[in-house]
Amino acid sequence: GMVTQFGFTPTVTTEEMRQKQDIIEKVQNINQI
C-alpha cells in the first residue's frame, strides 16, 4: 500500500568482486563442500 525508497552507488563490478582473494577462498570452500 505504499512506496518506500533507498539509494546507493555501486562501486565494484561483479567481475571485480569475484577476483578478490577472500571471495575466491570463500567460493573454493563452498565448492569443496
All heavy atoms as atom14 arrays in JSON, in Angstrom:
{
  "sequence": "GMVTQFGFTPTVTTEEMRQKQDIIEKVQNINQI",
  "atom14_mask": [
    [1, 1, 1, 1, 0, 0, 0, 0, 0, 0, 0, 0, 0, 0],
    [1, 1, 1, 1, 1, 1, 1, 1, 0, 0, 0, 0, 0, 0],
    [1, 1, 1, 1, 1, 1, 1, 0, 0, 0, 0, 0, 0, 0],
    [1, 1, 1, 1, 1, 1, 1, 0, 0, 0, 0, 0, 0, 0],
    [1, 1, 1, 1, 1, 1, 1, 1, 1, 0, 0, 0, 0, 0],
    [1, 1, 1, 1, 1, 1, 1, 1, 1, 1, 1, 0, 0, 0],
    [1, 1, 1, 1, 0, 0, 0, 0, 0, 0, 0, 0, 0, 0],
    [1, 1, 1, 1, 1, 1, 1, 1, 1, 1, 1, 0, 0, 0],
    [1, 1, 1, 1, 1, 1, 1, 0, 0, 0, 0, 0, 0, 0],
    [1, 1, 1, 1, 1, 1, 1, 0, 0, 0, 0, 0, 0, 0],
    [1, 1, 1, 1, 1, 1, 1, 0, 0, 0, 0, 0, 0, 0],
    [1, 1, 1, 1, 1, 1, 1, 0, 0, 0, 0, 0, 0, 0],
    [1, 1, 1, 1, 1, 1, 1, 0, 0, 0, 0, 0, 0, 0],
    [1, 1, 1, 1, 1, 1, 1, 0, 0, 0, 0, 0, 0, 0],
    [1, 1, 1, 1, 1, 1, 1, 1, 1, 0, 0, 0, 0, 0],
    [1, 1, 1, 1, 1, 1, 1, 1, 1, 0, 0, 0, 0, 0],
    [1, 1, 1, 1, 1, 1, 1, 1, 0, 0, 0, 0, 0, 0],
    [1, 1, 1, 1, 1, 1, 1, 1, 1, 1, 1, 0, 0, 0],
    [1, 1, 1, 1, 1, 1, 1, 1, 1, 0, 0, 0, 0, 0],
    [1, 1, 1, 1, 1, 1, 1, 1, 1, 0, 0, 0, 0, 0],
    [1, 1, 1, 1, 1, 1, 1, 1, 1, 0, 0, 0, 0, 0],
    [1, 1, 1, 1, 1, 1, 1, 1, 0, 0, 0, 0, 0, 0],
    [1, 1, 1, 1, 1, 1, 1, 1, 0, 0, 0, 0, 0, 0],
    [1, 1, 1, 1, 1, 1, 1, 1, 0, 0, 0, 0, 0, 0],
    [1, 1, 1, 1, 1, 1, 1, 1, 1, 0, 0, 0, 0, 0],
    [1, 1, 1, 1, 1, 1, 1, 1, 1, 0, 0, 0, 0, 0],
    [1, 1, 1, 1, 1, 1, 1, 0, 0, 0, 0, 0, 0, 0],
    [1, 1, 1, 1, 1, 1, 1, 1, 1, 0, 0, 0, 0, 0],
    [1, 1, 1, 1, 1, 1, 1, 1, 0, 0, 0, 0, 0, 0],
    [1, 1, 1, 1, 1, 1, 1, 1, 0, 0, 0, 0, 0, 0],
    [1, 1, 1, 1, 1, 1, 1, 1, 0, 0, 0, 0, 0, 0],
    [1, 1, 1, 1, 1, 1, 1, 1, 1, 0, 0, 0, 0, 0],
    [1, 1, 1, 1, 1, 1, 1, 1, 0, 0, 0, 0, 0, 0]
  ],
  "atom14_positions": [
    [[0.78, -1.23, 0.0], [0.0, 0.0, 0.0], [0.8, 1.27, 0.0], [0.22, 2.36, -0.01], [0.0, 0.0, 0.0], [0.0, 0.0, 0.0], [0.0, 0.0, 0.0], [0.0, 0.0, 0.0], [0.0, 0.0, 0.0], [0.0, 0.0, 0.0], [0.0, 0.0, 0.0], [0.0, 0.0, 0.0], [0.0, 0.0, 0.0], [0.0, 0.0, 0.0]],
    [[2.13, 1.2, 0.03], [2.94, 2.41, -0.01], [4.25, 2.14, -0.74], [4.61, 0.99, -1.0], [3.21, 2.92, 1.41], [4.07, 2.01, 2.25], [4.36, 2.64, 3.93], [5.3, 4.12, 3.58], [0.0, 0.0, 0.0], [0.0, 0.0, 0.0], [0.0, 0.0, 0.0], [0.0, 0.0, 0.0], [0.0, 0.0, 0.0], [0.0, 0.0, 0.0]],
    [[4.93, 3.22, -1.11], [6.21, 3.12, -1.82], [7.32, 3.6, -0.88], [7.25, 4.71, -0.36], [6.21, 3.96, -3.11], [7.58, 3.9, -3.79], [5.13, 3.47, -4.07], [0.0, 0.0, 0.0], [0.0, 0.0, 0.0], [0.0, 0.0, 0.0], [0.0, 0.0, 0.0], [0.0, 0.0, 0.0], [0.0, 0.0, 0.0], [0.0, 0.0, 0.0]],
    [[8.31, 2.75, -0.64], [9.49, 3.14, 0.13], [10.67, 3.25, -0.83], [10.59, 2.79, -1.98], [9.8, 2.1, 1.22], [9.94, 0.8, 0.62], [8.69, 2.06, 2.25], [0.0, 0.0, 0.0], [0.0, 0.0, 0.0], [0.0, 0.0, 0.0], [0.0, 0.0, 0.0], [0.0, 0.0, 0.0], [0.0, 0.0, 0.0], [0.0, 0.0, 0.0]],
    [[11.75, 3.87, -0.37], [12.88, 4.03, -1.28], [14.21, 3.95, -0.55], [14.3, 4.16, 0.66], [12.78, 5.36, -2.03], [12.96, 6.61, -1.18], [12.91, 7.88, -2.03], [12.13, 7.99, -2.96], [13.76, 8.84, -1.7], [0.0, 0.0, 0.0], [0.0, 0.0, 0.0], [0.0, 0.0, 0.0], [0.0, 0.0, 0.0], [0.0, 0.0, 0.0]],
    [[15.23, 3.62, -1.32], [16.6, 3.54, -0.83], [17.52, 3.73, -2.03], [17.22, 3.26, -3.12], [16.88, 2.17, -0.19], [18.12, 2.13, 0.66], [18.02, 2.09, 2.03], [19.38, 2.14, 0.09], [19.15, 2.05, 2.84], [20.52, 2.11, 0.87], [20.41, 2.05, 2.25], [0.0, 0.0, 0.0], [0.0, 0.0, 0.0], [0.0, 0.0, 0.0]],
    [[18.62, 4.44, -1.82], [19.53, 4.69, -2.93], [20.97, 4.44, -2.56], [21.36, 4.57, -1.41], [0.0, 0.0, 0.0], [0.0, 0.0, 0.0], [0.0, 0.0, 0.0], [0.0, 0.0, 0.0], [0.0, 0.0, 0.0], [0.0, 0.0, 0.0], [0.0, 0.0, 0.0], [0.0, 0.0, 0.0], [0.0, 0.0, 0.0], [0.0, 0.0, 0.0]],
    [[21.77, 4.06, -3.54], [23.21, 3.92, -3.35], [23.9, 3.93, -4.71], [23.25, 3.86, -5.76], [23.55, 2.63, -2.59], [23.15, 1.35, -3.28], [23.96, 0.78, -4.26], [21.99, 0.69, -2.92], [23.61, -0.39, -4.9], [21.62, -0.49, -3.56], [22.43, -1.03, -4.54], [0.0, 0.0, 0.0], [0.0, 0.0, 0.0], [0.0, 0.0, 0.0]],
    [[25.21, 4.02, -4.67], [26.02, 4.0, -5.88], [26.92, 2.78, -5.85], [27.81, 2.69, -5.0], [26.89, 5.27, -5.99], [26.04, 6.42, -5.97], [27.7, 5.25, -7.27], [0.0, 0.0, 0.0], [0.0, 0.0, 0.0], [0.0, 0.0, 0.0], [0.0, 0.0, 0.0], [0.0, 0.0, 0.0], [0.0, 0.0, 0.0], [0.0, 0.0, 0.0]],
    [[26.75, 1.81, -6.76], [27.63, 0.64, -6.79], [29.06, 1.06, -7.17], [29.25, 1.89, -8.05], [27.01, -0.25, -7.88], [25.64, 0.28, -8.1], [25.68, 1.73, -7.78], [0.0, 0.0, 0.0], [0.0, 0.0, 0.0], [0.0, 0.0, 0.0], [0.0, 0.0, 0.0], [0.0, 0.0, 0.0], [0.0, 0.0, 0.0], [0.0, 0.0, 0.0]],
    [[30.05, 0.47, -6.51], [31.44, 0.84, -6.76], [32.31, -0.31, -7.24], [33.44, -0.08, -7.69], [32.07, 1.43, -5.48], [31.95, 0.47, -4.41], [31.38, 2.72, -5.07], [0.0, 0.0, 0.0], [0.0, 0.0, 0.0], [0.0, 0.0, 0.0], [0.0, 0.0, 0.0], [0.0, 0.0, 0.0], [0.0, 0.0, 0.0], [0.0, 0.0, 0.0]],
    [[31.82, -1.53, -7.14], [32.62, -2.7, -7.53], [31.77, -3.59, -8.43], [30.68, -4.01, -8.04], [33.08, -3.5, -6.3], [33.98, -4.67, -6.73], [33.82, -2.61, -5.3], [0.0, 0.0, 0.0], [0.0, 0.0, 0.0], [0.0, 0.0, 0.0], [0.0, 0.0, 0.0], [0.0, 0.0, 0.0], [0.0, 0.0, 0.0], [0.0, 0.0, 0.0]],
    [[32.27, -3.88, -9.62], [31.52, -4.75, -10.53], [31.54, -6.18, -10.02], [32.35, -6.56, -9.17], [32.11, -4.72, -11.95], [33.42, -5.32, -11.93], [32.21, -3.3, -12.48], [0.0, 0.0, 0.0], [0.0, 0.0, 0.0], [0.0, 0.0, 0.0], [0.0, 0.0, 0.0], [0.0, 0.0, 0.0], [0.0, 0.0, 0.0], [0.0, 0.0, 0.0]],
    [[30.63, -6.98, -10.56], [30.57, -8.39, -10.17], [31.88, -9.09, -10.47], [32.39, -9.87, -9.65], [29.41, -9.09, -10.9], [28.18, -8.45, -10.56], [29.33, -10.56, -10.52], [0.0, 0.0, 0.0], [0.0, 0.0, 0.0], [0.0, 0.0, 0.0], [0.0, 0.0, 0.0], [0.0, 0.0, 0.0], [0.0, 0.0, 0.0], [0.0, 0.0, 0.0]],
    [[32.45, -8.83, -11.65], [33.71, -9.48, -12.03], [34.85, -9.05, -11.12], [35.7, -9.87, -10.75], [34.05, -9.15, -13.49], [33.15, -9.85, -14.5], [33.22, -11.38, -14.37], [34.32, -11.91, -14.1], [32.17, -12.03, -14.53], [0.0, 0.0, 0.0], [0.0, 0.0, 0.0], [0.0, 0.0, 0.0], [0.0, 0.0, 0.0], [0.0, 0.0, 0.0]],
    [[34.89, -7.78, -10.75], [35.95, -7.31, -9.84], [35.82, -7.96, -8.46], [36.83, -8.32, -7.84], [35.88, -5.79, -9.71], [36.31, -5.04, -10.96], [36.04, -3.55, -10.88], [35.23, -3.14, -10.02], [36.62, -2.8, -11.69], [0.0, 0.0, 0.0], [0.0, 0.0, 0.0], [0.0, 0.0, 0.0], [0.0, 0.0, 0.0], [0.0, 0.0, 0.0]],
    [[34.6, -8.11, -7.97], [34.4, -8.74, -6.67], [34.81, -10.2, -6.7], [35.37, -10.73, -5.74], [32.94, -8.59, -6.24], [32.65, -9.1, -4.84], [33.54, -8.22, -3.53], [32.57, -6.71, -3.42], [0.0, 0.0, 0.0], [0.0, 0.0, 0.0], [0.0, 0.0, 0.0], [0.0, 0.0, 0.0], [0.0, 0.0, 0.0], [0.0, 0.0, 0.0]],
    [[34.55, -10.87, -7.83], [34.92, -12.28, -7.95], [36.44, -12.49, -7.91], [36.9, -13.59, -7.59], [34.38, -12.86, -9.26], [32.87, -13.07, -9.25], [32.37, -13.49, -10.62], [30.92, -13.73, -10.62], [30.2, -13.94, -11.71], [30.79, -13.92, -12.92], [28.91, -14.17, -11.63], [0.0, 0.0, 0.0], [0.0, 0.0, 0.0], [0.0, 0.0, 0.0]],
    [[37.21, -11.46, -8.22], [38.66, -11.58, -8.24], [39.31, -11.28, -6.89], [40.52, -11.45, -6.74], [39.24, -10.63, -9.3], [38.76, -10.9, -10.72], [38.95, -12.34, -11.15], [40.02, -12.9, -10.95], [37.92, -12.93, -11.74], [0.0, 0.0, 0.0], [0.0, 0.0, 0.0], [0.0, 0.0, 0.0], [0.0, 0.0, 0.0], [0.0, 0.0, 0.0]],
    [[38.52, -10.83, -5.9], [39.09, -10.55, -4.58], [39.45, -11.85, -3.88], [38.71, -12.84, -3.95], [38.1, -9.73, -3.73], [37.89, -8.32, -4.29], [37.19, -7.43, -3.29], [37.12, -6.0, -3.78], [36.56, -5.08, -2.78], [0.0, 0.0, 0.0], [0.0, 0.0, 0.0], [0.0, 0.0, 0.0], [0.0, 0.0, 0.0], [0.0, 0.0, 0.0]],
    [[40.59, -11.83, -3.18], [41.14, -13.06, -2.63], [40.21, -13.74, -1.64], [40.03, -14.96, -1.68], [42.5, -12.76, -1.96], [43.23, -14.0, -1.48], [43.52, -14.99, -2.59], [43.83, -14.58, -3.72], [43.39, -16.28, -2.3], [0.0, 0.0, 0.0], [0.0, 0.0, 0.0], [0.0, 0.0, 0.0], [0.0, 0.0, 0.0], [0.0, 0.0, 0.0]],
    [[39.59, -12.96, -0.76], [38.71, -13.61, 0.23], [37.46, -14.19, -0.42], [36.93, -15.21, 0.04], [38.34, -12.64, 1.35], [37.84, -11.31, 0.83], [37.98, -11.07, -0.37], [37.32, -10.52, 1.63], [0.0, 0.0, 0.0], [0.0, 0.0, 0.0], [0.0, 0.0, 0.0], [0.0, 0.0, 0.0], [0.0, 0.0, 0.0], [0.0, 0.0, 0.0]],
    [[36.99, -13.57, -1.51], [35.84, -14.13, -2.23], [36.26, -15.41, -2.94], [35.51, -16.4, -2.95], [35.28, -13.11, -3.24], [34.72, -11.89, -2.51], [34.21, -13.76, -4.12], [33.53, -12.19, -1.62], [0.0, 0.0, 0.0], [0.0, 0.0, 0.0], [0.0, 0.0, 0.0], [0.0, 0.0, 0.0], [0.0, 0.0, 0.0], [0.0, 0.0, 0.0]],
    [[37.47, -15.42, -3.51], [37.98, -16.64, -4.16], [38.06, -17.79, -3.16], [37.64, -18.91, -3.44], [39.37, -16.37, -4.79], [39.24, -15.39, -5.96], [40.01, -17.67, -5.25], [40.57, -14.95, -6.55], [0.0, 0.0, 0.0], [0.0, 0.0, 0.0], [0.0, 0.0, 0.0], [0.0, 0.0, 0.0], [0.0, 0.0, 0.0], [0.0, 0.0, 0.0]],
    [[38.58, -17.49, -1.96], [38.69, -18.53, -0.93], [37.31, -19.01, -0.48], [37.11, -20.21, -0.24], [39.48, -17.98, 0.26], [40.94, -17.71, -0.06], [41.68, -17.04, 1.08], [41.03, -16.76, 2.12], [42.88, -16.78, 0.95], [0.0, 0.0, 0.0], [0.0, 0.0, 0.0], [0.0, 0.0, 0.0], [0.0, 0.0, 0.0], [0.0, 0.0, 0.0]],
    [[36.37, -18.08, -0.37], [35.01, -18.45, 0.03], [34.38, -19.37, -1.01], [33.76, -20.39, -0.67], [34.15, -17.18, 0.2], [32.69, -17.46, 0.49], [31.9, -16.18, 0.56], [30.41, -16.45, 0.77], [29.61, -15.21, 0.8], [0.0, 0.0, 0.0], [0.0, 0.0, 0.0], [0.0, 0.0, 0.0], [0.0, 0.0, 0.0], [0.0, 0.0, 0.0]],
    [[34.54, -19.02, -2.29], [33.97, -19.84, -3.37], [34.6, -21.23, -3.37], [33.9, -22.25, -3.54], [34.17, -19.14, -4.73], [33.78, -20.07, -5.88], [33.33, -17.86, -4.8], [0.0, 0.0, 0.0], [0.0, 0.0, 0.0], [0.0, 0.0, 0.0], [0.0, 0.0, 0.0], [0.0, 0.0, 0.0], [0.0, 0.0, 0.0], [0.0, 0.0, 0.0]],
    [[35.92, -21.29, -3.18], [36.6, -22.58, -3.15], [36.1, -23.44, -1.99], [35.88, -24.65, -2.16], [38.11, -22.37, -3.03], [38.75, -21.79, -4.29], [40.22, -21.46, -4.09], [40.71, -21.38, -2.96], [40.94, -21.24, -5.19], [0.0, 0.0, 0.0], [0.0, 0.0, 0.0], [0.0, 0.0, 0.0], [0.0, 0.0, 0.0], [0.0, 0.0, 0.0]],
    [[35.89, -22.83, -0.85], [35.4, -23.56, 0.32], [34.0, -24.1, 0.08], [33.69, -25.26, 0.4], [35.42, -22.64, 1.55], [34.98, -23.37, 2.81], [35.48, -24.44, 3.12], [34.04, -22.78, 3.53], [0.0, 0.0, 0.0], [0.0, 0.0, 0.0], [0.0, 0.0, 0.0], [0.0, 0.0, 0.0], [0.0, 0.0, 0.0], [0.0, 0.0, 0.0]],
    [[33.13, -23.26, -0.49], [31.76, -23.7, -0.77], [31.76, -24.83, -1.79], [31.03, -25.83, -1.63], [30.91, -22.51, -1.27], [30.71, -21.49, -0.15], [29.56, -22.99, -1.8], [30.01, -20.23, -0.58], [0.0, 0.0, 0.0], [0.0, 0.0, 0.0], [0.0, 0.0, 0.0], [0.0, 0.0, 0.0], [0.0, 0.0, 0.0], [0.0, 0.0, 0.0]],
    [[32.57, -24.71, -2.83], [32.6, -25.75, -3.87], [33.18, -27.06, -3.33], [32.79, -28.14, -3.79], [33.4, -25.26, -5.08], [32.58, -24.33, -5.96], [31.36, -24.48, -6.05], [33.22, -23.37, -6.57], [0.0, 0.0, 0.0], [0.0, 0.0, 0.0], [0.0, 0.0, 0.0], [0.0, 0.0, 0.0], [0.0, 0.0, 0.0], [0.0, 0.0, 0.0]],
    [[34.1, -26.97, -2.37], [34.62, -28.18, -1.75], [33.52, -28.91, -0.99], [33.39, -30.13, -1.05], [35.77, -27.84, -0.82], [36.43, -29.07, -0.2], [37.63, -28.69, 0.67], [38.01, -27.53, 0.75], [38.2, -29.68, 1.33], [0.0, 0.0, 0.0], [0.0, 0.0, 0.0], [0.0, 0.0, 0.0], [0.0, 0.0, 0.0], [0.0, 0.0, 0.0]],
    [[32.71, -28.13, -0.26], [31.57, -28.72, 0.47], [30.57, -29.32, -0.51], [30.04, -30.43, -0.3], [30.9, -27.65, 1.34], [31.87, -27.16, 2.43], [29.62, -28.19, 1.97], [31.36, -25.98, 3.23], [0.0, 0.0, 0.0], [0.0, 0.0, 0.0], [0.0, 0.0, 0.0], [0.0, 0.0, 0.0], [0.0, 0.0, 0.0], [0.0, 0.0, 0.0]]
  ]
}
